[in-house]
Amino acid sequence: TYSATVSPILSARCNSCHSTSAAAASGGGIILDNYNSVKPYATNGKLLGSINHASGFSAMPKSSTKLSACEIEKVTNWVNSGALNN
């Protein structure tokens, strides 16, 4: 689910740059600290492209280690299940 699985991953690994308060200065204006802000990036492929370090995407998290395979799998499963607000 978003609230039990995805949100904690984003909070721990992404929101130091991509929170509402930090995004303008360090996150390229991309906000990932709430469902309504994450959903467009989940549905347009940018979230998965970035965390998978796919060609053509900005590899995230920047200046840090790649998310673990388990974390990526959890986010991928959520996106593939419709990226629901659950």
PDB file of N, CA and C in Angstrom:
ATOM      1  N   THR A   1       0.842  -1.196   0.000  1.00  0.00           N
ATOM      2  CA  THR A   1       0.000   0.000   0.000  1.00  0.00           C
ATOM      3  C   THR A   1       0.876   1.244   0.000  1.00  0.00           C
ATOM      4  N   TYR A   2       0.268   2.344  -0.396  1.00  0.00           N
ATOM      5  CA  TYR A   2       1.007   3.599  -0.386  1.00  0.00           C
ATOM      6  C   TYR A   2       1.398   3.981   1.040  1.00  0.00           C
ATOM      7  N   SER A   3       0.431   4.004   1.944  1.00  0.00           N
ATOM      8  CA  SER A   3       0.696   4.524   3.293  1.00  0.00           C
ATOM      9  C   SER A   3       1.629   3.637   4.106  1.00  0.00           C
ATOM     10  N   ALA A   4       1.530   2.331   3.949  1.00  0.00           N
ATOM     11  CA  ALA A   4       2.335   1.430   4.769  1.00  0.00           C
ATOM     12  C   ALA A   4       3.683   1.075   4.153  1.00  0.00           C
ATOM     13  N   THR A   5       3.802   1.176   2.841  1.00  0.00           N
ATOM     14  CA  THR A   5       5.017   0.715   2.185  1.00  0.00           C
ATOM     15  C   THR A   5       5.751   1.817   1.418  1.00  0.00           C
ATOM     16  N   VAL A   6       5.057   2.459   0.495  1.00  0.00           N
ATOM     17  CA  VAL A   6       5.712   3.417  -0.397  1.00  0.00           C
ATOM     18  C   VAL A   6       6.055   4.719   0.318  1.00  0.00           C
ATOM     19  N   SER A   7       5.120   5.269   1.050  1.00  0.00           N
ATOM     20  CA  SER A   7       5.362   6.533   1.734  1.00  0.00           C
ATOM     21  C   SER A   7       6.568   6.456   2.676  1.00  0.00           C
ATOM     22  N   PRO A   8       6.727   5.401   3.477  1.00  0.00           N
ATOM     23  CA  PRO A   8       7.915   5.327   4.333  1.00  0.00           C
ATOM     24  C   PRO A   8       9.232   5.254   3.545  1.00  0.00           C
ATOM     25  N   ILE A   9       9.224   4.591   2.387  1.00  0.00           N
ATOM     26  CA  ILE A   9      10.430   4.527   1.561  1.00  0.00           C
ATOM     27  C   ILE A   9      10.764   5.919   1.039  1.00  0.00           C
ATOM     28  N   LEU A  10       9.758   6.602   0.513  1.00  0.00           N
ATOM     29  CA  LEU A  10       9.981   7.949  -0.014  1.00  0.00           C
ATOM     30  C   LEU A  10      10.421   8.897   1.098  1.00  0.00           C
ATOM     31  N   SER A  11       9.827   8.757   2.252  1.00  0.00           N
ATOM     32  CA  SER A  11      10.181   9.605   3.384  1.00  0.00           C
ATOM     33  C   SER A  11      11.644   9.405   3.781  1.00  0.00           C
ATOM     34  N   ALA A  12      12.070   8.162   3.828  1.00  0.00           N
ATOM     35  CA  ALA A  12      13.430   7.858   4.260  1.00  0.00           C
ATOM     36  C   ALA A  12      14.482   8.142   3.194  1.00  0.00           C
ATOM     37  N   ARG A  13      14.134   7.956   1.914  1.00  0.00           N
ATOM     38  CA  ARG A  13      15.146   8.006   0.873  1.00  0.00           C
ATOM     39  C   ARG A  13      15.044   9.187  -0.082  1.00  0.00           C
ATOM     40  N   CYS A  14      13.890   9.871  -0.114  1.00  0.00           N
ATOM     41  CA  CYS A  14      13.673  10.898  -1.138  1.00  0.00           C
ATOM     42  C   CYS A  14      13.352  12.285  -0.603  1.00  0.00           C
ATOM     43  N   ASN A  15      12.685  12.339   0.516  1.00  0.00           N
ATOM     44  CA  ASN A  15      12.108  13.604   0.945  1.00  0.00           C
ATOM     45  C   ASN A  15      13.087  14.614   1.532  1.00  0.00           C
ATOM     46  N   SER A  16      14.335  14.227   1.738  1.00  0.00           N
ATOM     47  CA  SER A  16      15.290  15.245   2.162  1.00  0.00           C
ATOM     48  C   SER A  16      15.484  16.272   1.052  1.00  0.00           C
ATOM     49  N   CYS A  17      15.281  15.865  -0.185  1.00  0.00           N
ATOM     50  CA  CYS A  17      15.344  16.793  -1.328  1.00  0.00           C
ATOM     51  C   CYS A  17      13.972  17.074  -1.936  1.00  0.00           C
ATOM     52  N   HIS A  18      13.063  16.110  -1.849  1.00  0.00           N
ATOM     53  CA  HIS A  18      11.793  16.209  -2.562  1.00  0.00           C
ATOM     54  C   HIS A  18      10.582  16.429  -1.654  1.00  0.00           C
ATOM     55  N   SER A  19      10.786  17.099  -0.533  1.00  0.00           N
ATOM     56  CA  SER A  19       9.651  17.478   0.319  1.00  0.00           C
ATOM     57  C   SER A  19       9.139  18.831  -0.140  1.00  0.00           C
ATOM     58  N   THR A  20       7.978  19.199   0.333  1.00  0.00           N
ATOM     59  CA  THR A  20       7.400  20.490  -0.024  1.00  0.00           C
ATOM     60  C   THR A  20       8.348  21.628   0.308  1.00  0.00           C
ATOM     61  N   SER A  21       9.024  21.525   1.452  1.00  0.00           N
ATOM     62  CA  SER A  21       9.914  22.617   1.882  1.00  0.00           C
ATOM     63  C   SER A  21      11.259  22.612   1.172  1.00  0.00           C
ATOM     64  N   ALA A  22      11.714  21.466   0.669  1.00  0.00           N
ATOM     65  CA  ALA A  22      13.056  21.391   0.079  1.00  0.00           C
ATOM     66  C   ALA A  22      13.072  21.337  -1.439  1.00  0.00           C
ATOM     67  N   ALA A  23      11.964  20.997  -2.065  1.00  0.00           N
ATOM     68  CA  ALA A  23      11.954  20.718  -3.503  1.00  0.00           C
ATOM     69  C   ALA A  23      12.415  21.884  -4.366  1.00  0.00           C
ATOM     70  N   ALA A  24      12.062  23.095  -3.997  1.00  0.00           N
ATOM     71  CA  ALA A  24      12.462  24.245  -4.815  1.00  0.00           C
ATOM     72  C   ALA A  24      13.976  24.439  -4.801  1.00  0.00           C
ATOM     73  N   ALA A  25      14.598  24.205  -3.665  1.00  0.00           N
ATOM     74  CA  ALA A  25      16.027  24.443  -3.529  1.00  0.00           C
ATOM     75  C   ALA A  25      16.880  23.272  -4.000  1.00  0.00           C
ATOM     76  N   SER A  26      16.464  22.047  -3.703  1.00  0.00           N
ATOM     77  CA  SER A  26      17.349  20.921  -3.974  1.00  0.00           C
ATOM     78  C   SER A  26      16.716  19.776  -4.748  1.00  0.00           C
ATOM     79  N   GLY A  27      15.421  19.831  -5.002  1.00  0.00           N
ATOM     80  CA  GLY A  27      14.753  18.701  -5.641  1.00  0.00           C
ATOM     81  C   GLY A  27      14.193  18.985  -7.008  1.00  0.00           C
ATOM     82  N   GLY A  28      14.672  20.032  -7.661  1.00  0.00           N
ATOM     83  CA  GLY A  28      14.197  20.328  -9.008  1.00  0.00           C
ATOM     84  C   GLY A  28      12.722  20.646  -9.079  1.00  0.00           C
ATOM     85  N   GLY A  29      12.152  21.038  -7.937  1.00  0.00           N
ATOM     86  CA  GLY A  29      10.735  21.368  -7.896  1.00  0.00           C
ATOM     87  C   GLY A  29       9.820  20.152  -7.822  1.00  0.00           C
ATOM     88  N   ILE A  30      10.405  18.958  -7.741  1.00  0.00           N
ATOM     89  CA  ILE A  30       9.615  17.722  -7.679  1.00  0.00           C
ATOM     90  C   ILE A  30       9.328  17.394  -6.223  1.00  0.00           C
ATOM     91  N   ILE A  31       8.038  17.304  -5.909  1.00  0.00           N
ATOM     92  CA  ILE A  31       7.594  17.023  -4.541  1.00  0.00           C
ATOM     93  C   ILE A  31       7.089  15.587  -4.467  1.00  0.00           C
ATOM     94  N   LEU A  32       7.592  14.857  -3.485  1.00  0.00           N
ATOM     95  CA  LEU A  32       7.206  13.455  -3.311  1.00  0.00           C
ATOM     96  C   LEU A  32       6.773  13.149  -1.880  1.00  0.00           C
ATOM     97  N   ASP A  33       6.353  14.163  -1.131  1.00  0.00           N
ATOM     98  CA  ASP A  33       6.026  13.918   0.278  1.00  0.00           C
ATOM     99  C   ASP A  33       4.547  13.718   0.551  1.00  0.00           C
ATOM    100  N   ASN A  34       3.734  13.598  -0.493  1.00  0.00           N
ATOM    101  CA  ASN A  34       2.318  13.299  -0.297  1.00  0.00           C
ATOM    102  C   ASN A  34       1.788  12.581  -1.530  1.00  0.00           C
ATOM    103  N   TYR A  35       0.724  11.823  -1.342  1.00  0.00           N
ATOM    104  CA  TYR A  35       0.193  10.989  -2.419  1.00  0.00           C
ATOM    105  C   TYR A  35      -0.126  11.781  -3.681  1.00  0.00           C
ATOM    106  N   ASN A  36      -0.817  12.904  -3.536  1.00  0.00           N
ATOM    107  CA  ASN A  36      -1.233  13.661  -4.715  1.00  0.00           C
ATOM    108  C   ASN A  36      -0.053  14.175  -5.531  1.00  0.00           C
ATOM    109  N   SER A  37       1.071  14.393  -4.900  1.00  0.00           N
ATOM    110  CA  SER A  37       2.264  14.824  -5.614  1.00  0.00           C
ATOM    111  C   SER A  37       3.020  13.644  -6.237  1.00  0.00           C
ATOM    112  N   VAL A  38       2.979  12.488  -5.605  1.00  0.00           N
ATOM    113  CA  VAL A  38       3.682  11.304  -6.096  1.00  0.00           C
ATOM    114  C   VAL A  38       2.951  10.675  -7.281  1.00  0.00           C
ATOM    115  N   LYS A  39       1.656  10.651  -7.242  1.00  0.00           N
ATOM    116  CA  LYS A  39       0.839   9.940  -8.232  1.00  0.00           C
ATOM    117  C   LYS A  39       1.211  10.269  -9.679  1.00  0.00           C
ATOM    118  N   PRO A  40       1.355  11.536 -10.077  1.00  0.00           N
ATOM    119  CA  PRO A  40       1.703  11.801 -11.481  1.00  0.00           C
ATOM    120  C   PRO A  40       3.037  11.181 -11.904  1.00  0.00           C
ATOM    121  N   TYR A  41       4.013  11.183 -11.018  1.00  0.00           N
ATOM    122  CA  TYR A  41       5.316  10.594 -11.334  1.00  0.00           C
ATOM    123  C   TYR A  41       5.241   9.072 -11.364  1.00  0.00           C
ATOM    124  N   ALA A  42       4.343   8.506 -10.584  1.00  0.00           N
ATOM    125  CA  ALA A  42       4.140   7.057 -10.611  1.00  0.00           C
ATOM    126  C   ALA A  42       3.487   6.640 -11.924  1.00  0.00           C
ATOM    127  N   THR A  43       2.519   7.398 -12.380  1.00  0.00           N
ATOM    128  CA  THR A  43       1.783   7.000 -13.579  1.00  0.00           C
ATOM    129  C   THR A  43       2.494   7.362 -14.879  1.00  0.00           C
ATOM    130  N   ASN A  44       3.377   8.362 -14.864  1.00  0.00           N
ATOM    131  CA  ASN A  44       4.067   8.723 -16.112  1.00  0.00           C
ATOM    132  C   ASN A  44       5.401   8.002 -16.293  1.00  0.00           C
ATOM    133  N   GLY A  45       5.767   7.147 -15.349  1.00  0.00           N
ATOM    134  CA  GLY A  45       6.973   6.344 -15.469  1.00  0.00           C
ATOM    135  C   GLY A  45       8.243   6.976 -14.915  1.00  0.00           C
ATOM    136  N   LYS A  46       8.185   8.244 -14.540  1.00  0.00           N
ATOM    137  CA  LYS A  46       9.398   8.927 -14.074  1.00  0.00           C
ATOM    138  C   LYS A  46       9.884   8.409 -12.726  1.00  0.00           C
ATOM    139  N   LEU A  47       8.976   8.046 -11.840  1.00  0.00           N
ATOM    140  CA  LEU A  47       9.384   7.534 -10.531  1.00  0.00           C
ATOM    141  C   LEU A  47      10.178   6.244 -10.695  1.00  0.00           C
ATOM    142  N   LEU A  48       9.621   5.287 -11.426  1.00  0.00           N
ATOM    143  CA  LEU A  48      10.320   4.008 -11.601  1.00  0.00           C
ATOM    144  C   LEU A  48      11.576   4.165 -12.439  1.00  0.00           C
ATOM    145  N   GLY A  49      11.538   4.996 -13.463  1.00  0.00           N
ATOM    146  CA  GLY A  49      12.733   5.220 -14.268  1.00  0.00           C
ATOM    147  C   GLY A  49      13.874   5.766 -13.447  1.00  0.00           C
ATOM    148  N   SER A  50      13.565   6.707 -12.570  1.00  0.00           N
ATOM    149  CA  SER A  50      14.605   7.323 -11.742  1.00  0.00           C
ATOM    150  C   SER A  50      15.155   6.379 -10.692  1.00  0.00           C
ATOM    151  N   ILE A  51      14.299   5.660  -9.985  1.00  0.00           N
ATOM    152  CA  ILE A  51      14.808   4.784  -8.924  1.00  0.00           C
ATOM    153  C   ILE A  51      15.493   3.539  -9.486  1.00  0.00           C
ATOM    154  N   ASN A  52      15.162   3.175 -10.741  1.00  0.00           N
ATOM    155  CA  ASN A  52      15.826   2.043 -11.389  1.00  0.00           C
ATOM    156  C   ASN A  52      17.094   2.457 -12.125  1.00  0.00           C
ATOM    157  N   HIS A  53      17.399   3.758 -12.118  1.00  0.00           N
ATOM    158  CA  HIS A  53      18.553   4.312 -12.830  1.00  0.00           C
ATOM    159  C   HIS A  53      18.504   3.944 -14.311  1.00  0.00           C
ATOM    160  N   ALA A  54      17.299   3.994 -14.887  1.00  0.00           N
ATOM    161  CA  ALA A  54      17.091   3.662 -16.297  1.00  0.00           C
ATOM    162  C   ALA A  54      17.654   4.762 -17.194  1.00  0.00           C
ATOM    163  N   SER A  55      18.074   4.360 -18.364  1.00  0.00           N
ATOM    164  CA  SER A  55      18.607   5.296 -19.346  1.00  0.00           C
ATOM    165  C   SER A  55      17.554   6.352 -19.677  1.00  0.00           C
ATOM    166  N   GLY A  56      17.983   7.606 -19.734  1.00  0.00           N
ATOM    167  CA  GLY A  56      17.076   8.694 -20.061  1.00  0.00           C
ATOM    168  C   GLY A  56      16.395   9.328 -18.858  1.00  0.00           C
ATOM    169  N   PHE A  57      16.651   8.792 -17.672  1.00  0.00           N
ATOM    170  CA  PHE A  57      16.071   9.323 -16.440  1.00  0.00           C
ATOM    171  C   PHE A  57      17.188   9.797 -15.523  1.00  0.00           C
ATOM    172  N   SER A  58      16.876  10.756 -14.681  1.00  0.00           N
ATOM    173  CA  SER A  58      17.826  11.219 -13.682  1.00  0.00           C
ATOM    174  C   SER A  58      17.863  10.184 -12.557  1.00  0.00           C
ATOM    175  N   ALA A  59      19.021   9.558 -12.365  1.00  0.00           N
ATOM    176  CA  ALA A  59      19.150   8.508 -11.357  1.00  0.00           C
ATOM    177  C   ALA A  59      18.968   9.085  -9.958  1.00  0.00           C
ATOM    178  N   MET A  60      18.082   8.467  -9.207  1.00  0.00           N
ATOM    179  CA  MET A  60      17.767   8.911  -7.854  1.00  0.00           C
ATOM    180  C   MET A  60      17.909   7.758  -6.877  1.00  0.00           C
ATOM    181  N   PRO A  61      18.232   8.027  -5.633  1.00  0.00           N
ATOM    182  CA  PRO A  61      18.525   9.336  -5.084  1.00  0.00           C
ATOM    183  C   PRO A  61      19.903   9.833  -5.525  1.00  0.00           C
ATOM    184  N   LYS A  62      19.962  11.102  -5.786  1.00  0.00           N
ATOM    185  CA  LYS A  62      21.210  11.737  -6.212  1.00  0.00           C
ATOM    186  C   LYS A  62      22.143  11.827  -5.005  1.00  0.00           C
ATOM    187  N   SER A  63      23.404  11.616  -5.232  1.00  0.00           N
ATOM    188  CA  SER A  63      24.438  11.698  -4.182  1.00  0.00           C
ATOM    189  C   SER A  63      24.193  10.720  -3.045  1.00  0.00           C
ATOM    190  N   SER A  64      23.595   9.586  -3.357  1.00  0.00           N
ATOM    191  CA  SER A  64      23.345   8.560  -2.354  1.00  0.00           C
ATOM    192  C   SER A  64      23.306   7.210  -3.057  1.00  0.00           C
ATOM    193  N   THR A  65      23.247   6.149  -2.278  1.00  0.00           N
ATOM    194  CA  THR A  65      23.174   4.819  -2.859  1.00  0.00           C
ATOM    195  C   THR A  65      21.791   4.577  -3.447  1.00  0.00           C
ATOM    196  N   LYS A  66      21.758   3.740  -4.459  1.00  0.00           N
ATOM    197  CA  LYS A  66      20.503   3.333  -5.096  1.00  0.00           C
ATOM    198  C   LYS A  66      19.627   2.630  -4.067  1.00  0.00           C
ATOM    199  N   LEU A  67      18.327   2.779  -4.219  1.00  0.00           N
ATOM    200  CA  LEU A  67      17.414   2.049  -3.345  1.00  0.00           C
ATOM    201  C   LEU A  67      17.716   0.563  -3.447  1.00  0.00           C
ATOM    202  N   SER A  68      17.430  -0.167  -2.401  1.00  0.00           N
ATOM    203  CA  SER A  68      17.660  -1.612  -2.425  1.00  0.00           C
ATOM    204  C   SER A  68      16.701  -2.268  -3.412  1.00  0.00           C
ATOM    205  N   ALA A  69      17.066  -3.452  -3.847  1.00  0.00           N
ATOM    206  CA  ALA A  69      16.198  -4.202  -4.755  1.00  0.00           C
ATOM    207  C   ALA A  69      14.820  -4.409  -4.134  1.00  0.00           C
ATOM    208  N   CYS A  70      14.787  -4.631  -2.835  1.00  0.00           N
ATOM    209  CA  CYS A  70      13.510  -4.828  -2.128  1.00  0.00           C
ATOM    210  C   CYS A  70      12.666  -3.554  -2.164  1.00  0.00           C
ATOM    211  N   GLU A  71      13.303  -2.409  -1.906  1.00  0.00           N
ATOM    212  CA  GLU A  71      12.567  -1.139  -1.933  1.00  0.00           C
ATOM    213  C   GLU A  71      12.040  -0.850  -3.345  1.00  0.00           C
ATOM    214  N   ILE A  72      12.873  -1.084  -4.345  1.00  0.00           N
ATOM    215  CA  ILE A  72      12.446  -0.859  -5.727  1.00  0.00           C
ATOM    216  C   ILE A  72      11.294  -1.787  -6.084  1.00  0.00           C
ATOM    217  N   GLU A  73      11.364  -3.027  -5.651  1.00  0.00           N
ATOM    218  CA  GLU A  73      10.294  -3.985  -5.928  1.00  0.00           C
ATOM    219  C   GLU A  73       8.984  -3.550  -5.271  1.00  0.00           C
ATOM    220  N   LYS A  74       9.046  -3.044  -4.063  1.00  0.00           N
ATOM    221  CA  LYS A  74       7.837  -2.585  -3.374  1.00  0.00           C
ATOM    222  C   LYS A  74       7.196  -1.416  -4.110  1.00  0.00           C
ATOM    223  N   VAL A  75       8.007  -0.443  -4.535  1.00  0.00           N
ATOM    224  CA  VAL A  75       7.473   0.700  -5.267  1.00  0.00           C
ATOM    225  C   VAL A  75       6.924   0.243  -6.621  1.00  0.00           C
ATOM    226  N   THR A  76       7.646  -0.644  -7.291  1.00  0.00           N
ATOM    227  CA  THR A  76       7.204  -1.167  -8.587  1.00  0.00           C
ATOM    228  C   THR A  76       5.879  -1.894  -8.459  1.00  0.00           C
ATOM    229  N   ASN A  77       5.741  -2.727  -7.447  1.00  0.00           N
ATOM    230  CA  ASN A  77       4.483  -3.454  -7.239  1.00  0.00           C
ATOM    231  C   ASN A  77       3.324  -2.492  -7.005  1.00  0.00           C
ATOM    232  N   TRP A  78       3.565  -1.440  -6.236  1.00  0.00           N
ATOM    233  CA  TRP A  78       2.531  -0.442  -5.976  1.00  0.00           C
ATOM    234  C   TRP A  78       2.116   0.257  -7.270  1.00  0.00           C
ATOM    235  N   VAL A  79       3.099   0.681  -8.058  1.00  0.00           N
ATOM    236  CA  VAL A  79       2.803   1.355  -9.327  1.00  0.00           C
ATOM    237  C   VAL A  79       2.049   0.407 -10.255  1.00  0.00           C
ATOM    238  N   ASN A  80       2.513  -0.818 -10.384  1.00  0.00           N
ATOM    239  CA  ASN A  80       1.887  -1.797 -11.284  1.00  0.00           C
ATOM    240  C   ASN A  80       0.503  -2.222 -10.827  1.00  0.00           C
ATOM    241  N   SER A  81       0.194  -1.978  -9.563  1.00  0.00           N
ATOM    242  CA  SER A  81      -1.138  -2.297  -9.042  1.00  0.00           C
ATOM    243  C   SER A  81      -2.081  -1.096  -9.129  1.00  0.00           C
ATOM    244  N   GLY A  82      -1.664  -0.062  -9.830  1.00  0.00           N
ATOM    245  CA  GLY A  82      -2.529   1.089 -10.048  1.00  0.00           C
ATOM    246  C   GLY A  82      -2.166   2.323  -9.251  1.00  0.00           C
ATOM    247  N   ALA A  83      -1.097   2.274  -8.471  1.00  0.00           N
ATOM    248  CA  ALA A  83      -0.642   3.418  -7.665  1.00  0.00           C
ATOM    249  C   ALA A  83      -1.797   4.018  -6.852  1.00  0.00           C
ATOM    250  N   LEU A  84      -2.484   3.152  -6.139  1.00  0.00           N
ATOM    251  CA  LEU A  84      -3.657   3.552  -5.368  1.00  0.00           C
ATOM    252  C   LEU A  84      -3.277   4.306  -4.090  1.00  0.00           C
ATOM    253  N   ASN A  85      -4.165   5.146  -3.636  1.00  0.00           N
ATOM    254  CA  ASN A  85      -3.982   5.860  -2.376  1.00  0.00           C
ATOM    255  C   ASN A  85      -4.575   4.995  -1.263  1.00  0.00           C
ATOM    256  N   ASN A  86      -3.826   3.992  -0.876  1.00  0.00           N
ATOM    257  CA  ASN A  86      -4.309   3.033   0.123  1.00  0.00           C
ATOM    258  C   ASN A  86      -3.296   2.850   1.223  1.00  0.00           C
TER     259      ASN A  86
END
